[in-house]
Amino acid sequence: MIVELHVLSGRPDPRWPLDPGAAAAFRALLAGLARVDAKPPPAPGLGYRGFTVTDSEAVRHVFNGWITVGDMTLADPGKTVERRLLDTLPPEFAHLGPVVAAALDD
């Protein structure tokens, strides 16, 4: 499972693998979320724009309390999934943590 953080402009966004335990925790979090008929609002053009989590099963976009998987949308009003993904940020990208944390607290 690969995580990509969409936060940089003009440079490649950071990517990192989730270890098996973190991947299982991610799947468990998603399993506990409610499906909704609403469509999430679009991400802004600049700044924090969410995470993409990809594996052999699916591509999932996580932003602002919404998770989209194909045409399915899950609601995560507490942004728990985003906060957990932020917790997996590797040390070489630690400088981006405060930027994302501030966006999650807005």
PDB file of N, CA and C in Angstrom:
ATOM      1  N   MET A   1       0.858  -1.161   0.000  1.00  0.00           N
ATOM      2  CA  MET A   1       0.000   0.000   0.000  1.00  0.00           C
ATOM      3  C   MET A   1       0.912   1.233   0.000  1.00  0.00           C
ATOM      4  N   ILE A   2       0.649   2.148  -0.936  1.00  0.00           N
ATOM      5  CA  ILE A   2       1.452   3.355  -1.088  1.00  0.00           C
ATOM      6  C   ILE A   2       0.594   4.575  -0.769  1.00  0.00           C
ATOM      7  N   VAL A   3       1.157   5.492   0.010  1.00  0.00           N
ATOM      8  CA  VAL A   3       0.490   6.745   0.361  1.00  0.00           C
ATOM      9  C   VAL A   3       1.195   7.872  -0.382  1.00  0.00           C
ATOM     10  N   GLU A   4       0.411   8.770  -0.948  1.00  0.00           N
ATOM     11  CA  GLU A   4       0.953   9.985  -1.552  1.00  0.00           C
ATOM     12  C   GLU A   4       0.261  11.174  -0.897  1.00  0.00           C
ATOM     13  N   LEU A   5       1.056  12.110  -0.413  1.00  0.00           N
ATOM     14  CA  LEU A   5       0.553  13.314   0.225  1.00  0.00           C
ATOM     15  C   LEU A   5       0.546  14.443  -0.795  1.00  0.00           C
ATOM     16  N   HIS A   6      -0.621  14.981  -1.069  1.00  0.00           N
ATOM     17  CA  HIS A   6      -0.743  16.069  -2.041  1.00  0.00           C
ATOM     18  C   HIS A   6      -0.645  17.394  -1.304  1.00  0.00           C
ATOM     19  N   VAL A   7       0.550  17.996  -1.373  1.00  0.00           N
ATOM     20  CA  VAL A   7       0.774  19.226  -0.623  1.00  0.00           C
ATOM     21  C   VAL A   7       1.752  20.169  -1.319  1.00  0.00           C
ATOM     22  N   LEU A   8       2.571  19.676  -2.198  1.00  0.00           N
ATOM     23  CA  LEU A   8       3.590  20.501  -2.834  1.00  0.00           C
ATOM     24  C   LEU A   8       3.106  21.040  -4.165  1.00  0.00           C
ATOM     25  N   SER A   9       3.644  22.180  -4.532  1.00  0.00           N
ATOM     26  CA  SER A   9       3.343  22.768  -5.839  1.00  0.00           C
ATOM     27  C   SER A   9       4.645  22.872  -6.622  1.00  0.00           C
ATOM     28  N   GLY A  10       4.644  22.367  -7.829  1.00  0.00           N
ATOM     29  CA  GLY A  10       5.823  22.459  -8.673  1.00  0.00           C
ATOM     30  C   GLY A  10       6.897  21.429  -8.388  1.00  0.00           C
ATOM     31  N   ARG A  11       6.661  20.557  -7.431  1.00  0.00           N
ATOM     32  CA  ARG A  11       7.601  19.476  -7.124  1.00  0.00           C
ATOM     33  C   ARG A  11       6.808  18.199  -6.934  1.00  0.00           C
ATOM     34  N   PRO A  12       7.445  17.058  -7.087  1.00  0.00           N
ATOM     35  CA  PRO A  12       6.714  15.804  -6.861  1.00  0.00           C
ATOM     36  C   PRO A  12       6.234  15.703  -5.418  1.00  0.00           C
ATOM     37  N   ASP A  13       5.016  15.209  -5.236  1.00  0.00           N
ATOM     38  CA  ASP A  13       4.477  15.009  -3.892  1.00  0.00           C
ATOM     39  C   ASP A  13       5.158  13.815  -3.234  1.00  0.00           C
ATOM     40  N   PRO A  14       5.312  13.863  -1.902  1.00  0.00           N
ATOM     41  CA  PRO A  14       5.942  12.745  -1.191  1.00  0.00           C
ATOM     42  C   PRO A  14       5.096  11.471  -1.256  1.00  0.00           C
ATOM     43  N   ARG A  15       5.795  10.349  -1.354  1.00  0.00           N
ATOM     44  CA  ARG A  15       5.160   9.021  -1.392  1.00  0.00           C
ATOM     45  C   ARG A  15       5.927   8.107  -0.459  1.00  0.00           C
ATOM     46  N   TRP A  16       5.193   7.185   0.181  1.00  0.00           N
ATOM     47  CA  TRP A  16       5.844   6.216   1.053  1.00  0.00           C
ATOM     48  C   TRP A  16       4.954   4.985   1.192  1.00  0.00           C
ATOM     49  N   PRO A  17       5.564   3.833   1.483  1.00  0.00           N
ATOM     50  CA  PRO A  17       4.774   2.617   1.697  1.00  0.00           C
ATOM     51  C   PRO A  17       4.269   2.551   3.138  1.00  0.00           C
ATOM     52  N   LEU A  18       3.105   1.941   3.305  1.00  0.00           N
ATOM     53  CA  LEU A  18       2.612   1.624   4.641  1.00  0.00           C
ATOM     54  C   LEU A  18       3.076   0.223   4.996  1.00  0.00           C
ATOM     55  N   ASP A  19       3.524   0.056   6.221  1.00  0.00           N
ATOM     56  CA  ASP A  19       3.882  -1.296   6.647  1.00  0.00           C
ATOM     57  C   ASP A  19       2.590  -2.105   6.807  1.00  0.00           C
ATOM     58  N   PRO A  20       2.677  -3.429   6.871  1.00  0.00           N
ATOM     59  CA  PRO A  20       1.460  -4.248   6.929  1.00  0.00           C
ATOM     60  C   PRO A  20       0.515  -3.892   8.080  1.00  0.00           C
ATOM     61  N   GLY A  21       1.047  -3.549   9.242  1.00  0.00           N
ATOM     62  CA  GLY A  21       0.192  -3.181  10.367  1.00  0.00           C
ATOM     63  C   GLY A  21      -0.571  -1.895  10.113  1.00  0.00           C
ATOM     64  N   ALA A  22       0.109  -0.897   9.562  1.00  0.00           N
ATOM     65  CA  ALA A  22      -0.545   0.379   9.246  1.00  0.00           C
ATOM     66  C   ALA A  22      -1.561   0.197   8.127  1.00  0.00           C
ATOM     67  N   ALA A  23      -1.255  -0.667   7.159  1.00  0.00           N
ATOM     68  CA  ALA A  23      -2.206  -0.934   6.074  1.00  0.00           C
ATOM     69  C   ALA A  23      -3.467  -1.611   6.615  1.00  0.00           C
ATOM     70  N   ALA A  24      -3.296  -2.548   7.529  1.00  0.00           N
ATOM     71  CA  ALA A  24      -4.457  -3.220   8.135  1.00  0.00           C
ATOM     72  C   ALA A  24      -5.276  -2.230   8.957  1.00  0.00           C
ATOM     73  N   ALA A  25      -4.617  -1.338   9.685  1.00  0.00           N
ATOM     74  CA  ALA A  25      -5.323  -0.324  10.468  1.00  0.00           C
ATOM     75  C   ALA A  25      -6.091   0.628   9.557  1.00  0.00           C
ATOM     76  N   PHE A  26      -5.498   0.984   8.424  1.00  0.00           N
ATOM     77  CA  PHE A  26      -6.168   1.850   7.452  1.00  0.00           C
ATOM     78  C   PHE A  26      -7.442   1.179   6.941  1.00  0.00           C
ATOM     79  N   ARG A  27      -7.339  -0.080   6.559  1.00  0.00           N
ATOM     80  CA  ARG A  27      -8.512  -0.808   6.064  1.00  0.00           C
ATOM     81  C   ARG A  27      -9.604  -0.911   7.140  1.00  0.00           C
ATOM     82  N   ALA A  28      -9.182  -1.142   8.384  1.00  0.00           N
ATOM     83  CA  ALA A  28     -10.149  -1.243   9.484  1.00  0.00           C
ATOM     84  C   ALA A  28     -10.862   0.089   9.708  1.00  0.00           C
ATOM     85  N   LEU A  29     -10.135   1.187   9.609  1.00  0.00           N
ATOM     86  CA  LEU A  29     -10.769   2.501   9.747  1.00  0.00           C
ATOM     87  C   LEU A  29     -11.819   2.716   8.660  1.00  0.00           C
ATOM     88  N   LEU A  30     -11.460   2.375   7.430  1.00  0.00           N
ATOM     89  CA  LEU A  30     -12.410   2.547   6.323  1.00  0.00           C
ATOM     90  C   LEU A  30     -13.647   1.683   6.523  1.00  0.00           C
ATOM     91  N   ALA A  31     -13.460   0.483   7.031  1.00  0.00           N
ATOM     92  CA  ALA A  31     -14.588  -0.429   7.225  1.00  0.00           C
ATOM     93  C   ALA A  31     -15.590   0.124   8.233  1.00  0.00           C
ATOM     94  N   GLY A  32     -15.148   0.990   9.131  1.00  0.00           N
ATOM     95  CA  GLY A  32     -16.030   1.549  10.135  1.00  0.00           C
ATOM     96  C   GLY A  32     -16.728   2.834   9.727  1.00  0.00           C
ATOM     97  N   LEU A  33     -16.475   3.309   8.515  1.00  0.00           N
ATOM     98  CA  LEU A  33     -17.071   4.569   8.073  1.00  0.00           C
ATOM     99  C   LEU A  33     -18.375   4.349   7.316  1.00  0.00           C
ATOM    100  N   ALA A  34     -19.236   5.339   7.397  1.00  0.00           N
ATOM    101  CA  ALA A  34     -20.536   5.265   6.724  1.00  0.00           C
ATOM    102  C   ALA A  34     -20.426   5.699   5.267  1.00  0.00           C
ATOM    103  N   ARG A  35     -21.116   4.952   4.417  1.00  0.00           N
ATOM    104  CA  ARG A  35     -21.259   5.344   3.008  1.00  0.00           C
ATOM    105  C   ARG A  35     -22.281   6.459   2.919  1.00  0.00           C
ATOM    106  N   VAL A  36     -22.019   7.427   2.058  1.00  0.00           N
ATOM    107  CA  VAL A  36     -22.937   8.545   1.873  1.00  0.00           C
ATOM    108  C   VAL A  36     -23.171   8.764   0.384  1.00  0.00           C
ATOM    109  N   ASP A  37     -24.294   9.405   0.076  1.00  0.00           N
ATOM    110  CA  ASP A  37     -24.608   9.703  -1.325  1.00  0.00           C
ATOM    111  C   ASP A  37     -23.998  11.018  -1.790  1.00  0.00           C
ATOM    112  N   ALA A  38     -23.556  11.847  -0.866  1.00  0.00           N
ATOM    113  CA  ALA A  38     -22.993  13.157  -1.209  1.00  0.00           C
ATOM    114  C   ALA A  38     -21.653  13.008  -1.917  1.00  0.00           C
ATOM    115  N   LYS A  39     -21.330  13.993  -2.711  1.00  0.00           N
ATOM    116  CA  LYS A  39     -20.018  14.055  -3.354  1.00  0.00           C
ATOM    117  C   LYS A  39     -19.184  15.090  -2.615  1.00  0.00           C
ATOM    118  N   PRO A  40     -17.918  14.780  -2.341  1.00  0.00           N
ATOM    119  CA  PRO A  40     -17.088  15.737  -1.616  1.00  0.00           C
ATOM    120  C   PRO A  40     -16.782  16.964  -2.468  1.00  0.00           C
ATOM    121  N   PRO A  41     -16.539  18.091  -1.816  1.00  0.00           N
ATOM    122  CA  PRO A  41     -16.144  19.277  -2.568  1.00  0.00           C
ATOM    123  C   PRO A  41     -14.751  19.074  -3.150  1.00  0.00           C
ATOM    124  N   PRO A  42     -14.425  19.778  -4.214  1.00  0.00           N
ATOM    125  CA  PRO A  42     -13.090  19.624  -4.806  1.00  0.00           C
ATOM    126  C   PRO A  42     -12.008  20.188  -3.882  1.00  0.00           C
ATOM    127  N   ALA A  43     -10.829  19.643  -4.000  1.00  0.00           N
ATOM    128  CA  ALA A  43      -9.678  20.139  -3.246  1.00  0.00           C
ATOM    129  C   ALA A  43      -9.220  21.458  -3.861  1.00  0.00           C
ATOM    130  N   PRO A  44      -8.578  22.310  -3.066  1.00  0.00           N
ATOM    131  CA  PRO A  44      -8.076  23.572  -3.612  1.00  0.00           C
ATOM    132  C   PRO A  44      -6.937  23.328  -4.595  1.00  0.00           C
ATOM    133  N   GLY A  45      -6.583  24.331  -5.339  1.00  0.00           N
ATOM    134  CA  GLY A  45      -5.496  24.200  -6.315  1.00  0.00           C
ATOM    135  C   GLY A  45      -4.117  24.209  -5.691  1.00  0.00           C
ATOM    136  N   LEU A  46      -3.981  24.845  -4.532  1.00  0.00           N
ATOM    137  CA  LEU A  46      -2.688  24.946  -3.867  1.00  0.00           C
ATOM    138  C   LEU A  46      -2.813  24.510  -2.411  1.00  0.00           C
ATOM    139  N   GLY A  47      -1.672  24.200  -1.797  1.00  0.00           N
ATOM    140  CA  GLY A  47      -1.661  23.798  -0.388  1.00  0.00           C
ATOM    141  C   GLY A  47      -2.047  22.343  -0.217  1.00  0.00           C
ATOM    142  N   TYR A  48      -2.487  22.012   0.984  1.00  0.00           N
ATOM    143  CA  TYR A  48      -2.871  20.635   1.297  1.00  0.00           C
ATOM    144  C   TYR A  48      -4.104  20.238   0.486  1.00  0.00           C
ATOM    145  N   ARG A  49      -3.977  19.102  -0.236  1.00  0.00           N
ATOM    146  CA  ARG A  49      -5.055  18.608  -1.090  1.00  0.00           C
ATOM    147  C   ARG A  49      -5.396  17.154  -0.804  1.00  0.00           C
ATOM    148  N   GLY A  50      -4.925  16.639   0.325  1.00  0.00           N
ATOM    149  CA  GLY A  50      -5.298  15.297   0.716  1.00  0.00           C
ATOM    150  C   GLY A  50      -4.236  14.244   0.463  1.00  0.00           C
ATOM    151  N   PHE A  51      -4.669  13.001   0.616  1.00  0.00           N
ATOM    152  CA  PHE A  51      -3.814  11.832   0.425  1.00  0.00           C
ATOM    153  C   PHE A  51      -4.442  10.936  -0.633  1.00  0.00           C
ATOM    154  N   THR A  52      -3.617  10.236  -1.374  1.00  0.00           N
ATOM    155  CA  THR A  52      -4.076   9.135  -2.214  1.00  0.00           C
ATOM    156  C   THR A  52      -3.410   7.872  -1.675  1.00  0.00           C
ATOM    157  N   VAL A  53      -4.224   6.848  -1.453  1.00  0.00           N
ATOM    158  CA  VAL A  53      -3.721   5.573  -0.943  1.00  0.00           C
ATOM    159  C   VAL A  53      -4.044   4.517  -1.992  1.00  0.00           C
ATOM    160  N   THR A  54      -2.993   3.863  -2.489  1.00  0.00           N
ATOM    161  CA  THR A  54      -3.136   2.938  -3.608  1.00  0.00           C
ATOM    162  C   THR A  54      -2.588   1.567  -3.242  1.00  0.00           C
ATOM    163  N   ASP A  55      -3.324   0.541  -3.624  1.00  0.00           N
ATOM    164  CA  ASP A  55      -2.824  -0.826  -3.553  1.00  0.00           C
ATOM    165  C   ASP A  55      -3.463  -1.606  -4.686  1.00  0.00           C
ATOM    166  N   SER A  56      -3.309  -2.904  -4.666  1.00  0.00           N
ATOM    167  CA  SER A  56      -3.855  -3.722  -5.757  1.00  0.00           C
ATOM    168  C   SER A  56      -5.375  -3.756  -5.765  1.00  0.00           C
ATOM    169  N   GLU A  57      -6.003  -3.373  -4.646  1.00  0.00           N
ATOM    170  CA  GLU A  57      -7.465  -3.404  -4.546  1.00  0.00           C
ATOM    171  C   GLU A  57      -8.136  -2.138  -5.066  1.00  0.00           C
ATOM    172  N   ALA A  58      -7.536  -0.967  -4.792  1.00  0.00           N
ATOM    173  CA  ALA A  58      -8.231   0.282  -5.104  1.00  0.00           C
ATOM    174  C   ALA A  58      -7.304   1.480  -4.999  1.00  0.00           C
ATOM    175  N   VAL A  59      -7.783   2.589  -5.541  1.00  0.00           N
ATOM    176  CA  VAL A  59      -7.176   3.903  -5.352  1.00  0.00           C
ATOM    177  C   VAL A  59      -8.180   4.699  -4.535  1.00  0.00           C
ATOM    178  N   ARG A  60      -7.724   5.204  -3.395  1.00  0.00           N
ATOM    179  CA  ARG A  60      -8.615   5.926  -2.482  1.00  0.00           C
ATOM    180  C   ARG A  60      -8.092   7.334  -2.295  1.00  0.00           C
ATOM    181  N   HIS A  61      -8.955   8.322  -2.459  1.00  0.00           N
ATOM    182  CA  HIS A  61      -8.557   9.700  -2.206  1.00  0.00           C
ATOM    183  C   HIS A  61      -9.189  10.142  -0.890  1.00  0.00           C
ATOM    184  N   VAL A  62      -8.359  10.702  -0.025  1.00  0.00           N
ATOM    185  CA  VAL A  62      -8.774  11.088   1.322  1.00  0.00           C
ATOM    186  C   VAL A  62      -8.530  12.586   1.473  1.00  0.00           C
ATOM    187  N   PHE A  63      -9.619  13.351   1.688  1.00  0.00           N
ATOM    188  CA  PHE A  63      -9.454  14.797   1.843  1.00  0.00           C
ATOM    189  C   PHE A  63     -10.628  15.400   2.604  1.00  0.00           C
ATOM    190  N   ASN A  64     -10.298  16.189   3.601  1.00  0.00           N
ATOM    191  CA  ASN A  64     -11.263  17.012   4.321  1.00  0.00           C
ATOM    192  C   ASN A  64     -12.446  16.215   4.885  1.00  0.00           C
ATOM    193  N   GLY A  65     -12.149  15.025   5.400  1.00  0.00           N
ATOM    194  CA  GLY A  65     -13.203  14.220   6.013  1.00  0.00           C
ATOM    195  C   GLY A  65     -14.005  13.381   5.045  1.00  0.00           C
ATOM    196  N   TRP A  66     -13.540  13.257   3.829  1.00  0.00           N
ATOM    197  CA  TRP A  66     -14.210  12.438   2.811  1.00  0.00           C
ATOM    198  C   TRP A  66     -13.206  11.449   2.239  1.00  0.00           C
ATOM    199  N   ILE A  67     -13.673  10.261   1.933  1.00  0.00           N
ATOM    200  CA  ILE A  67     -12.853   9.251   1.259  1.00  0.00           C
ATOM    201  C   ILE A  67     -13.630   8.807   0.034  1.00  0.00           C
ATOM    202  N   THR A  68     -13.005   8.887  -1.115  1.00  0.00           N
ATOM    203  CA  THR A  68     -13.648   8.397  -2.337  1.00  0.00           C
ATOM    204  C   THR A  68     -12.874   7.200  -2.853  1.00  0.00           C
ATOM    205  N   VAL A  69     -13.641   6.206  -3.251  1.00  0.00           N
ATOM    206  CA  VAL A  69     -13.103   4.979  -3.841  1.00  0.00           C
ATOM    207  C   VAL A  69     -13.967   4.722  -5.057  1.00  0.00           C
ATOM    208  N   GLY A  70     -13.454   5.044  -6.238  1.00  0.00           N
ATOM    209  CA  GLY A  70     -14.285   4.961  -7.441  1.00  0.00           C
ATOM    210  C   GLY A  70     -15.449   5.912  -7.300  1.00  0.00           C
ATOM    211  N   ASP A  71     -16.671   5.407  -7.434  1.00  0.00           N
ATOM    212  CA  ASP A  71     -17.840   6.274  -7.284  1.00  0.00           C
ATOM    213  C   ASP A  71     -18.485   6.141  -5.902  1.00  0.00           C
ATOM    214  N   MET A  72     -17.807   5.477  -4.965  1.00  0.00           N
ATOM    215  CA  MET A  72     -18.293   5.353  -3.591  1.00  0.00           C
ATOM    216  C   MET A  72     -17.645   6.443  -2.732  1.00  0.00           C
ATOM    217  N   THR A  73     -18.451   7.040  -1.849  1.00  0.00           N
ATOM    218  CA  THR A  73     -17.947   8.065  -0.931  1.00  0.00           C
ATOM    219  C   THR A  73     -18.227   7.642   0.506  1.00  0.00           C
ATOM    220  N   LEU A  74     -17.216   7.805   1.354  1.00  0.00           N
ATOM    221  CA  LEU A  74     -17.338   7.542   2.786  1.00  0.00           C
ATOM    222  C   LEU A  74     -17.165   8.856   3.533  1.00  0.00           C
ATOM    223  N   ALA A  75     -17.901   9.024   4.627  1.00  0.00           N
ATOM    224  CA  ALA A  75     -17.797  10.230   5.441  1.00  0.00           C
ATOM    225  C   ALA A  75     -16.928   9.965   6.663  1.00  0.00           C
ATOM    226  N   ASP A  76     -16.006  10.868   6.925  1.00  0.00           N
ATOM    227  CA  ASP A  76     -15.118  10.797   8.085  1.00  0.00           C
ATOM    228  C   ASP A  76     -15.038  12.195   8.702  1.00  0.00           C
ATOM    229  N   PRO A  77     -16.137  12.647   9.341  1.00  0.00           N
ATOM    230  CA  PRO A  77     -16.194  14.025   9.814  1.00  0.00           C
ATOM    231  C   PRO A  77     -15.104  14.403  10.819  1.00  0.00           C
ATOM    232  N   GLY A  78     -14.560  13.444  11.545  1.00  0.00           N
ATOM    233  CA  GLY A  78     -13.471  13.725  12.483  1.00  0.00           C
ATOM    234  C   GLY A  78     -12.098  13.714  11.843  1.00  0.00           C
ATOM    235  N   LYS A  79     -12.046  13.434  10.545  1.00  0.00           N
ATOM    236  CA  LYS A  79     -10.782  13.364   9.790  1.00  0.00           C
ATOM    237  C   LYS A  79      -9.803  12.363  10.408  1.00  0.00           C
ATOM    238  N   THR A  80     -10.355  11.313  10.990  1.00  0.00           N
ATOM    239  CA  THR A  80      -9.543  10.293  11.645  1.00  0.00           C
ATOM    240  C   THR A  80      -8.584   9.618  10.678  1.00  0.00           C
ATOM    241  N   VAL A  81      -9.065   9.300   9.481  1.00  0.00           N
ATOM    242  CA  VAL A  81      -8.218   8.614   8.503  1.00  0.00           C
ATOM    243  C   VAL A  81      -7.047   9.510   8.111  1.00  0.00           C
ATOM    244  N   GLU A  82      -7.318  10.785   7.854  1.00  0.00           N
ATOM    245  CA  GLU A  82      -6.233  11.709   7.487  1.00  0.00           C
ATOM    246  C   GLU A  82      -5.213  11.835   8.614  1.00  0.00           C
ATOM    247  N   ARG A  83      -5.689  11.922   9.848  1.00  0.00           N
ATOM    248  CA  ARG A  83      -4.766  12.052  10.983  1.00  0.00           C
ATOM    249  C   ARG A  83      -3.906  10.796  11.138  1.00  0.00           C
ATOM    250  N   ARG A  84      -4.503   9.635  10.921  1.00  0.00           N
ATOM    251  CA  ARG A  84      -3.726   8.388  11.004  1.00  0.00           C
ATOM    252  C   ARG A  84      -2.699   8.311   9.883  1.00  0.00           C
ATOM    253  N   LEU A  85      -3.082   8.730   8.685  1.00  0.00           N
ATOM    254  CA  LEU A  85      -2.117   8.740   7.582  1.00  0.00           C
ATOM    255  C   LEU A  85      -0.981   9.721   7.876  1.00  0.00           C
ATOM    256  N   LEU A  86      -1.312  10.860   8.436  1.00  0.00           N
ATOM    257  CA  LEU A  86      -0.282  11.835   8.799  1.00  0.00           C
ATOM    258  C   LEU A  86       0.691  11.229   9.810  1.00  0.00           C
ATOM    259  N   ASP A  87       0.187  10.394  10.707  1.00  0.00           N
ATOM    260  CA  ASP A  87       1.049   9.734  11.699  1.00  0.00           C
ATOM    261  C   ASP A  87       2.068   8.800  11.055  1.00  0.00           C
ATOM    262  N   THR A  88       1.836   8.374   9.821  1.00  0.00           N
ATOM    263  CA  THR A  88       2.774   7.470   9.136  1.00  0.00           C
ATOM    264  C   THR A  88       3.812   8.224   8.323  1.00  0.00           C
ATOM    265  N   LEU A  89       3.773   9.557   8.345  1.00  0.00           N
ATOM    266  CA  LEU A  89       4.699  10.380   7.562  1.00  0.00           C
ATOM    267  C   LEU A  89       6.147  10.034   7.931  1.00  0.00           C
ATOM    268  N   PRO A  90       6.969   9.661   6.961  1.00  0.00           N
ATOM    269  CA  PRO A  90       8.362   9.311   7.262  1.00  0.00           C
ATOM    270  C   PRO A  90       9.157  10.541   7.728  1.00  0.00           C
ATOM    271  N   PRO A  91      10.225  10.310   8.468  1.00  0.00           N
ATOM    272  CA  PRO A  91      11.032  11.414   9.004  1.00  0.00           C
ATOM    273  C   PRO A  91      11.517  12.402   7.948  1.00  0.00           C
ATOM    274  N   GLU A  92      11.824  11.921   6.755  1.00  0.00           N
ATOM    275  CA  GLU A  92      12.338  12.843   5.727  1.00  0.00           C
ATOM    276  C   GLU A  92      11.291  13.855   5.256  1.00  0.00           C
ATOM    277  N   PHE A  93      10.037  13.618   5.592  1.00  0.00           N
ATOM    278  CA  PHE A  93       8.963  14.554   5.226  1.00  0.00           C
ATOM    279  C   PHE A  93       8.355  15.229   6.463  1.00  0.00           C
ATOM    280  N   ALA A  94       9.019  15.106   7.610  1.00  0.00           N
ATOM    281  CA  ALA A  94       8.472  15.631   8.862  1.00  0.00           C
ATOM    282  C   ALA A  94       8.174  17.125   8.794  1.00  0.00           C
ATOM    283  N   HIS A  95       8.915  17.867   7.998  1.00  0.00           N
ATOM    284  CA  HIS A  95       8.689  19.310   7.888  1.00  0.00           C
ATOM    285  C   HIS A  95       7.303  19.645   7.318  1.00  0.00           C
ATOM    286  N   LEU A  96       6.667  18.682   6.648  1.00  0.00           N
ATOM    287  CA  LEU A  96       5.331  18.900   6.090  1.00  0.00           C
ATOM    288  C   LEU A  96       4.226  18.616   7.111  1.00  0.00           C
ATOM    289  N   GLY A  97       4.556  17.919   8.181  1.00  0.00           N
ATOM    290  CA  GLY A  97       3.559  17.551   9.186  1.00  0.00           C
ATOM    291  C   GLY A  97       2.785  18.731   9.752  1.00  0.00           C
ATOM    292  N   PRO A  98       3.459  19.802  10.195  1.00  0.00           N
ATOM    293  CA  PRO A  98       2.720  20.933  10.743  1.00  0.00           C
ATOM    294  C   PRO A  98       1.782  21.614   9.733  1.00  0.00           C
ATOM    295  N   VAL A  99       2.181  21.628   8.467  1.00  0.00           N
ATOM    296  CA  VAL A  99       1.347  22.229   7.422  1.00  0.00           C
ATOM    297  C   VAL A  99       0.039  21.430   7.298  1.00  0.00           C
ATOM    298  N   VAL A 100       0.162  20.117   7.242  1.00  0.00           N
ATOM    299  CA  VAL A 100      -1.016  19.266   7.100  1.00  0.00           C
ATOM    300  C   VAL A 100      -1.857  19.304   8.377  1.00  0.00           C
ATOM    301  N   ALA A 101      -1.203  19.240   9.539  1.00  0.00           N
ATOM    302  CA  ALA A 101      -1.935  19.277  10.808  1.00  0.00           C
ATOM    303  C   ALA A 101      -2.764  20.567  10.918  1.00  0.00           C
ATOM    304  N   ALA A 102      -2.189  21.687  10.524  1.00  0.00           N
ATOM    305  CA  ALA A 102      -2.922  22.967  10.570  1.00  0.00           C
ATOM    306  C   ALA A 102      -4.124  22.928   9.650  1.00  0.00           C
ATOM    307  N   ALA A 103      -3.967  22.340   8.470  1.00  0.00           N
ATOM    308  CA  ALA A 103      -5.094  22.240   7.519  1.00  0.00           C
ATOM    309  C   ALA A 103      -6.185  21.335   8.072  1.00  0.00           C
ATOM    310  N   LEU A 104      -5.808  20.275   8.772  1.00  0.00           N
ATOM    311  CA  LEU A 104      -6.803  19.367   9.342  1.00  0.00           C
ATOM    312  C   LEU A 104      -7.566  20.004  10.487  1.00  0.00           C
ATOM    313  N   ASP A 105      -6.948  20.965  11.157  1.00  0.00           N
ATOM    314  CA  ASP A 105      -7.592  21.632  12.283  1.00  0.00           C
ATOM    315  C   ASP A 105      -8.486  22.804  11.866  1.00  0.00           C
ATOM    316  N   ASP A 106      -8.419  23.179  10.591  1.00  0.00           N
ATOM    317  CA  ASP A 106      -9.278  24.284  10.118  1.00  0.00           C
ATOM    318  C   ASP A 106     -10.727  23.890  10.086  1.00  0.00           C
TER     319      ASP A 106
END
